[in-house]
Protein backbone atom coordinates (compact mmCIF):
# COMPACT_ATOMS: atom_id res chain seq x y z
CA UNK A 1 79.82 78.45 134.59
CA UNK A 2 80.58 76.99 138.00
CA UNK A 3 83.07 79.10 139.97
CA UNK A 4 85.29 78.48 142.98
CA UNK A 5 83.13 80.93 144.90
CA UNK A 6 80.09 78.76 144.20
CA UNK A 7 81.89 75.74 145.60
CA UNK A 8 83.01 77.57 148.73
CA UNK A 9 79.51 78.89 149.31
CA UNK A 10 78.12 75.35 149.15
CA UNK A 11 80.78 73.99 151.49
CA UNK A 12 80.19 76.82 153.96
CA UNK A 13 76.93 75.05 154.80
CA UNK A 14 78.64 71.75 155.65
CA UNK A 15 79.30 71.47 159.37
CA UNK A 16 81.93 69.46 161.21
CA UNK A 17 79.64 67.78 163.80
CA UNK A 18 82.30 67.64 166.51
CA UNK A 19 83.84 71.08 166.03
CA UNK A 20 80.52 72.89 165.55
CA UNK A 21 81.65 75.07 162.63
CA UNK A 22 81.49 74.82 158.86
CA UNK A 23 84.36 73.49 156.74
CA UNK A 24 85.18 76.85 155.16
CA UNK A 25 85.34 78.74 158.45
CA UNK A 26 87.55 75.99 159.88
CA UNK A 27 89.95 76.32 156.94
CA UNK A 28 89.42 72.69 155.98
CA UNK A 29 88.74 73.27 152.28
CA UNK A 30 91.75 73.49 149.96
CA UNK A 31 92.83 73.00 146.35
CA UNK A 32 89.47 73.66 144.67
CA UNK A 33 89.56 72.90 140.94
CA UNK A 34 86.69 73.46 138.53
CA UNK A 35 86.75 71.85 135.10
CA UNK A 36 83.42 72.51 133.38
CA UNK A 37 80.91 70.33 135.26
CA UNK A 38 83.51 68.53 137.37
CA UNK A 39 84.69 69.88 140.72
CA UNK A 40 87.51 68.49 142.82
CA UNK A 41 88.81 69.70 146.18
CA UNK A 42 90.54 68.55 149.36
CA UNK A 43 89.07 68.40 152.85
CA UNK A 44 91.80 68.66 155.48
CA UNK A 45 90.60 67.07 158.71
CA UNK A 46 92.06 68.11 162.07
CA UNK A 47 93.17 64.55 162.90
CA UNK A 48 93.75 61.38 160.87
CA UNK A 49 91.87 59.53 163.63
CA UNK A 50 88.67 61.45 162.94
CA UNK A 51 85.75 59.06 163.54
CA UNK A 52 83.47 61.08 161.24
CA UNK A 53 85.76 61.28 158.21
CA UNK A 54 83.44 59.34 155.88
CA UNK A 55 80.41 61.33 157.06
CA UNK A 56 82.13 64.66 156.42
CA UNK A 57 83.41 63.52 153.03
CA UNK A 58 79.94 62.40 151.98
CA UNK A 59 78.27 65.61 153.17
CA UNK A 60 80.83 67.73 151.31
CA UNK A 61 80.30 65.80 148.07
CA UNK A 62 76.51 66.05 148.30
CA UNK A 63 76.68 69.80 149.00
CA UNK A 64 78.80 70.46 145.90
CA UNK A 65 76.66 68.20 143.68
CA UNK A 66 73.69 70.43 144.54
CA UNK A 67 75.43 73.42 142.93
CA UNK A 68 73.77 74.14 139.55
CA UNK A 69 75.99 72.94 136.72
CA UNK A 70 78.00 70.42 138.81
CA UNK A 71 77.65 66.83 137.66
CA UNK A 72 80.73 65.27 139.24
CA UNK A 73 82.47 65.96 142.54
CA UNK A 74 85.78 64.44 143.65
CA UNK A 75 86.52 64.87 147.36
CA UNK A 76 90.02 64.10 148.55
CA UNK A 77 90.48 63.68 152.31
CA UNK A 78 93.67 64.24 154.25
CA UNK A 79 94.49 65.41 157.76
CA UNK A 80 96.70 67.93 159.51
CA UNK A 81 96.77 67.91 163.31
CA UNK A 82 96.66 71.36 164.89
CA UNK A 83 98.32 72.38 168.15
CA UNK A 84 95.83 72.94 170.94
CA UNK A 85 97.98 75.31 172.97
CA UNK A 86 101.07 77.50 172.97
CA UNK A 87 104.28 76.32 171.35
CA UNK A 88 106.24 73.80 173.38
CA UNK A 89 109.54 75.49 174.26
CA UNK A 90 111.13 72.38 175.76
CA UNK A 91 109.95 70.10 172.93
CA UNK A 92 109.35 72.50 170.02
CA UNK A 93 108.40 69.90 167.40
CA UNK A 94 105.56 68.44 169.44
CA UNK A 95 102.09 69.81 168.71
CA UNK A 96 100.11 68.20 171.53
CA UNK A 97 101.08 66.57 174.83
CA UNK A 98 98.64 64.21 176.52
CA UNK A 99 99.19 62.86 180.04
CA UNK A 100 97.65 59.52 180.97
CA UNK A 101 97.28 59.26 184.72
CA UNK A 102 95.35 58.09 187.74
CA UNK A 103 95.65 58.43 191.48
CA UNK A 104 95.94 54.64 191.87
CA UNK A 105 98.31 51.99 190.58
CA UNK A 106 97.21 48.85 188.79
CA UNK A 107 94.30 50.37 186.85
CA UNK A 108 95.93 49.98 183.44
CA UNK A 109 97.36 53.42 182.63
CA UNK A 110 100.25 51.92 180.67
CA UNK A 111 97.93 49.55 178.81
CA UNK A 112 95.74 52.47 177.77
CA UNK A 113 98.71 54.67 176.86
CA UNK A 114 100.35 51.97 174.73
CA UNK A 115 97.27 50.91 172.80
CA UNK A 116 96.00 54.44 172.25
CA UNK A 117 99.43 55.56 170.99
CA UNK A 118 99.56 52.69 168.50
CA UNK A 119 95.97 53.29 167.39
CA UNK A 120 96.76 56.95 166.65
CA UNK A 121 99.91 55.96 164.75
CA UNK A 122 97.96 53.36 162.75
CA UNK A 123 95.50 56.09 161.78
CA UNK A 124 98.37 58.09 160.28
CA UNK A 125 99.41 60.44 163.09
CA UNK A 126 103.00 61.08 164.16
CA UNK A 127 103.10 59.77 167.72
CA UNK A 128 105.58 59.58 170.58
CA UNK A 129 105.24 57.74 173.90
CA UNK A 130 107.12 58.89 176.99
CA UNK A 131 107.38 56.56 179.98
CA UNK A 132 107.36 58.95 182.93
CA UNK A 133 107.04 56.17 185.51
CA UNK A 134 110.59 56.42 186.79
CA UNK A 135 110.24 53.76 189.50
CA UNK A 136 108.40 51.22 187.34
CA UNK A 137 109.16 51.81 183.65
CA UNK A 138 107.11 49.17 181.81
CA UNK A 139 106.76 50.72 178.37
CA UNK A 140 109.83 48.97 176.83
CA UNK A 141 108.40 45.54 177.73
CA UNK A 142 104.86 46.37 176.64
CA UNK A 143 106.01 47.81 173.31
CA UNK A 144 108.46 44.97 172.63
CA UNK A 145 111.31 47.47 172.34
CA UNK A 146 114.83 46.50 173.32
CA UNK A 147 118.25 48.13 173.16
CA UNK A 148 119.61 51.45 174.28
CA UNK A 149 118.89 54.72 172.49
CA UNK A 150 121.86 56.37 170.82
CA UNK A 151 122.95 59.97 170.89
CA UNK A 152 122.81 62.47 168.05
CA UNK A 153 124.86 65.49 169.04
CA UNK A 154 123.45 66.76 172.30
CA UNK A 155 120.19 64.85 171.94
CA UNK A 156 119.13 61.23 172.45
CA UNK A 157 117.38 59.52 169.55
CA UNK A 158 114.27 57.63 170.74
CA UNK A 159 113.68 54.02 169.80
CA UNK A 160 110.68 53.16 167.66
CA UNK A 161 108.14 50.36 167.81
CA UNK A 162 104.86 49.92 165.91
CA UNK A 163 105.37 53.35 164.36
CA UNK A 164 105.63 55.09 167.75
CA UNK A 165 108.73 56.89 169.02
CA UNK A 166 109.62 55.69 172.53
CA UNK A 167 111.63 56.96 175.47
CA UNK A 168 111.91 55.40 178.90
CA UNK A 169 114.39 55.20 181.72
CA UNK A 170 113.92 51.46 181.36
CA UNK A 171 116.08 51.50 178.23
CA UNK A 172 119.07 52.50 180.34
CA UNK A 173 118.60 50.07 183.25
CA UNK A 174 118.92 46.34 183.73
CA UNK A 175 115.56 44.68 184.34
CA UNK A 176 116.51 43.77 187.91
CA UNK A 177 117.84 47.21 188.84
CA UNK A 178 115.58 49.22 191.16
CA UNK A 179 115.47 53.01 190.98
CA UNK A 180 116.11 54.30 194.49
CA UNK A 181 115.92 58.05 194.00
CA UNK A 182 114.65 61.01 195.94
CA UNK A 183 112.31 63.59 194.45
CA UNK A 184 114.90 65.98 192.93
CA UNK A 185 116.51 63.14 190.95
CA UNK A 186 113.12 62.03 189.62
CA UNK A 187 112.33 65.57 188.56
CA UNK A 188 115.66 65.94 186.77
CA UNK A 189 115.22 62.60 184.98
CA UNK A 190 111.80 63.60 183.65
CA UNK A 191 113.10 66.93 182.40
CA UNK A 192 115.87 65.09 180.58
CA UNK A 193 113.46 62.59 179.04
CA UNK A 194 111.45 65.52 177.75
CA UNK A 195 114.02 68.08 176.70
CA UNK A 196 117.11 66.06 175.84
CA UNK A 197 115.38 63.70 173.43
CA UNK A 198 115.16 64.30 169.69
CA UNK A 199 111.42 63.82 169.41
CA UNK A 200 111.23 65.50 166.01
CA UNK A 201 107.86 66.48 164.59
CA UNK A 202 105.01 64.84 166.49
CA UNK A 203 101.25 65.32 166.36
CA UNK A 204 100.80 63.72 169.78
CA UNK A 205 103.18 62.89 172.61
CA UNK A 206 101.47 60.46 174.99
CA UNK A 207 102.95 60.59 178.51
CA UNK A 208 102.43 57.54 180.70
CA UNK A 209 102.47 58.78 184.29
CA UNK A 210 103.18 56.87 187.50
CA UNK A 211 100.36 56.46 190.03
CA UNK A 212 99.67 59.22 192.52
CA UNK A 213 99.90 62.99 192.51
CA UNK A 214 103.58 63.54 193.27
CA UNK A 215 106.86 64.71 191.80
CA UNK A 216 106.45 63.30 188.29
CA UNK A 217 103.02 64.81 187.73
CA UNK A 218 104.06 68.20 189.10
CA UNK A 219 107.30 68.27 187.12
CA UNK A 220 105.58 67.55 183.81
CA UNK A 221 102.72 69.99 184.46
CA UNK A 222 105.21 72.75 185.30
CA UNK A 223 107.77 71.94 182.57
CA UNK A 224 105.50 71.93 179.53
CA UNK A 225 102.03 73.27 178.72
CA UNK A 226 100.07 70.02 178.69
CA UNK A 227 97.33 69.86 176.10
CA UNK A 228 95.28 67.79 178.51
CA UNK A 229 95.05 64.71 180.69
CA UNK A 230 93.26 61.39 180.43
CA UNK A 231 92.19 59.76 183.69
CA UNK A 232 92.12 55.96 183.79
CA UNK A 233 90.12 54.13 186.42
CA UNK A 234 88.50 50.80 187.14
CA UNK A 235 84.83 50.66 188.20
CA UNK A 236 85.17 49.96 191.93
CA UNK A 237 84.78 52.80 194.43
CA UNK A 238 88.31 52.57 195.85
CA UNK A 239 89.86 53.07 192.42
CA UNK A 240 87.43 55.85 191.57
CA UNK A 241 88.25 57.78 194.75
CA UNK A 242 91.96 57.79 193.91
CA UNK A 243 91.38 58.51 190.23
CA UNK A 244 89.30 61.56 191.10
CA UNK A 245 92.15 62.86 193.24
CA UNK A 246 94.33 62.68 190.15
CA UNK A 247 91.66 64.47 188.14
CA UNK A 248 91.38 67.27 190.68
CA UNK A 249 95.16 67.65 190.79
CA UNK A 250 95.23 68.36 187.05
CA UNK A 251 92.34 70.78 187.39
CA UNK A 252 94.23 72.70 190.06
CA UNK A 253 97.21 72.82 187.69
CA UNK A 254 94.89 74.27 185.01
CA UNK A 255 95.35 71.21 182.80
CA UNK A 256 92.23 70.40 180.73
CA UNK A 257 90.69 66.98 181.38
CA UNK A 258 90.26 65.34 177.99
CA UNK A 259 88.23 62.51 179.44
CA UNK A 260 87.89 59.44 181.63
CA UNK A 261 88.52 55.85 180.54
CA UNK A 262 87.04 52.93 182.47
CA UNK A 263 89.37 49.92 182.24
CA UNK A 264 88.45 46.34 183.27
CA UNK A 265 84.86 47.44 182.83
CA UNK A 266 83.45 43.94 182.44
CA UNK A 267 84.48 40.39 181.55
CA UNK A 268 83.01 38.83 178.43
CA UNK A 269 83.13 35.03 178.61
CA UNK A 270 84.70 33.69 175.38
CA UNK A 271 82.57 30.54 175.59
CA UNK A 272 79.06 31.68 176.46
CA UNK A 273 79.48 35.41 175.66
CA UNK A 274 77.97 36.28 179.02
CA UNK A 275 79.13 39.60 180.48
CA UNK A 276 80.24 39.62 184.12
CA UNK A 277 80.93 42.86 185.98
CA UNK A 278 83.86 41.67 188.07
CA UNK A 279 84.66 45.08 189.57
CA UNK A 280 81.25 46.65 189.10
CA UNK A 281 80.39 48.78 186.09
CA UNK A 282 79.69 52.36 185.09
CA UNK A 283 81.75 54.12 187.74
CA UNK A 284 83.84 55.97 185.18
CA UNK A 285 80.79 57.28 183.35
CA UNK A 286 79.16 58.39 186.60
CA UNK A 287 82.37 60.20 187.56
CA UNK A 288 82.45 61.95 184.18
CA UNK A 289 78.95 63.29 184.79
CA UNK A 290 79.82 64.33 188.32
CA UNK A 291 82.85 66.34 187.23
CA UNK A 292 81.39 67.43 183.86
CA UNK A 293 84.22 65.91 181.83
CA UNK A 294 83.98 63.64 178.76
CA UNK A 295 83.68 59.88 179.06
CA UNK A 296 85.98 58.43 176.39
CA UNK A 297 84.93 54.81 176.68
CA UNK A 298 85.25 51.50 178.48
CA UNK A 299 87.64 48.58 178.02
CA UNK A 300 86.77 44.99 178.94
CA UNK A 301 88.82 42.75 181.19
CA UNK A 302 90.39 40.10 178.98
CA UNK A 303 93.39 37.82 179.16
CA UNK A 304 94.44 38.74 175.61
CA UNK A 305 95.06 42.33 176.70
CA UNK A 306 97.27 41.16 179.57
CA UNK A 307 99.18 38.65 177.43
CA UNK A 308 99.72 41.24 174.70
CA UNK A 309 101.27 43.64 177.19
CA UNK A 310 103.52 40.99 178.71
CA UNK A 311 104.73 39.76 175.32
CA UNK A 312 105.26 43.16 173.74
CA UNK A 313 102.37 42.72 171.32
CA UNK A 314 99.61 45.14 172.38
CA UNK A 315 96.08 44.02 171.56
CA UNK A 316 95.60 46.56 168.76
CA UNK A 317 98.43 44.75 166.96
CA UNK A 318 98.12 41.16 168.18
CA UNK A 319 94.36 40.95 167.53
CA UNK A 320 93.37 44.07 165.58
CA UNK A 321 89.90 42.81 164.64
CA UNK A 322 88.89 41.95 168.21
CA UNK A 323 86.27 44.01 170.07
CA UNK A 324 88.97 44.86 172.60
CA UNK A 325 91.19 46.45 169.95
CA UNK A 326 88.16 48.28 168.56
CA UNK A 327 87.48 49.69 172.04
CA UNK A 328 90.97 51.19 172.15
CA UNK A 329 90.62 52.61 168.64
CA UNK A 330 87.32 54.28 169.57
CA UNK A 331 88.95 55.82 172.64
CA UNK A 332 91.87 57.04 170.52
CA UNK A 333 89.46 58.66 168.05
CA UNK A 334 87.44 60.28 170.83
CA UNK A 335 90.63 61.57 172.42
CA UNK A 336 91.88 63.01 169.12
CA UNK A 337 88.50 64.70 168.62
CA UNK A 338 88.75 66.38 172.05
CA UNK A 339 92.22 67.68 171.20
CA UNK A 340 90.90 69.05 167.90
CA UNK A 341 88.11 70.86 169.72
CA UNK A 342 90.66 72.52 172.02
CA UNK A 343 92.77 73.47 169.01
CA UNK A 344 89.84 75.18 167.28
CA UNK A 345 88.95 77.07 170.46
CA UNK A 346 92.58 78.21 170.79
CA UNK A 347 92.57 79.84 167.35
């Protein structure tokens, strides 16, 4: 007779390649059922964006089929994102907060934040996107979201687009209205966008930061325990110098660096398919080695990405089968994996 203990023993030899522990130790095996020679169970991944889901599912099935007496194995796969740090007091329903920043403007932080947020939501995660660029709030335009959020009691209800909850100061301003505020007003606005919004239950809150290392970055780092930060850069030296200043700022604030993304990495000609390194290439990966932080991936320079942002149709939605959309999805998966690793270490 096959027993539940037999199944657990077999699955205790199946490792999660990214987390470095077996499925049983990680608490990923649930709902084991044994019916004569048939075994069924559920594997609960730590993120729905897990890039190795099929590999883990296959390894679990093979391990159980090797148990004497088992002829059939049904492996159900689901996911439950784990918090990678202490509970968020200001935003209690949010499990993980991820800042997307750089020391320089114009490198594509908002483009990365928008497409990664949508990619995570498409994978099945509950995602929010906070536009913390008070002086240049572009998220409403890039997400094709219009209108003004409404109140619910003492909280503001975020708008939603492409399955992502959104909040931005841009929802409350006319497009031609500049924000002419001193530091204290910026700090207060960010605290309100965080704490006075009904974010609900979220697996990931992506925070799109303004360029630099000033009031917005400090306010967020001091207001909530950030899960980690993603640094966006372009390949040229000038951009890298400023991006590394942003990286070092987060390190001094004891915020983990989840990885570096190299945007505008190369241009792929749509006619001849020749790759041209307009701004150079590989600077982001070299910086990741220099600072011993992960390299999450590179994104090509392409007009479709720019047009998608301008028209409120990000590339992962406007052209989901393109190599550009796939690049964003791979970065989203790699980012989710890094958060899962932090969550396991925090247990």
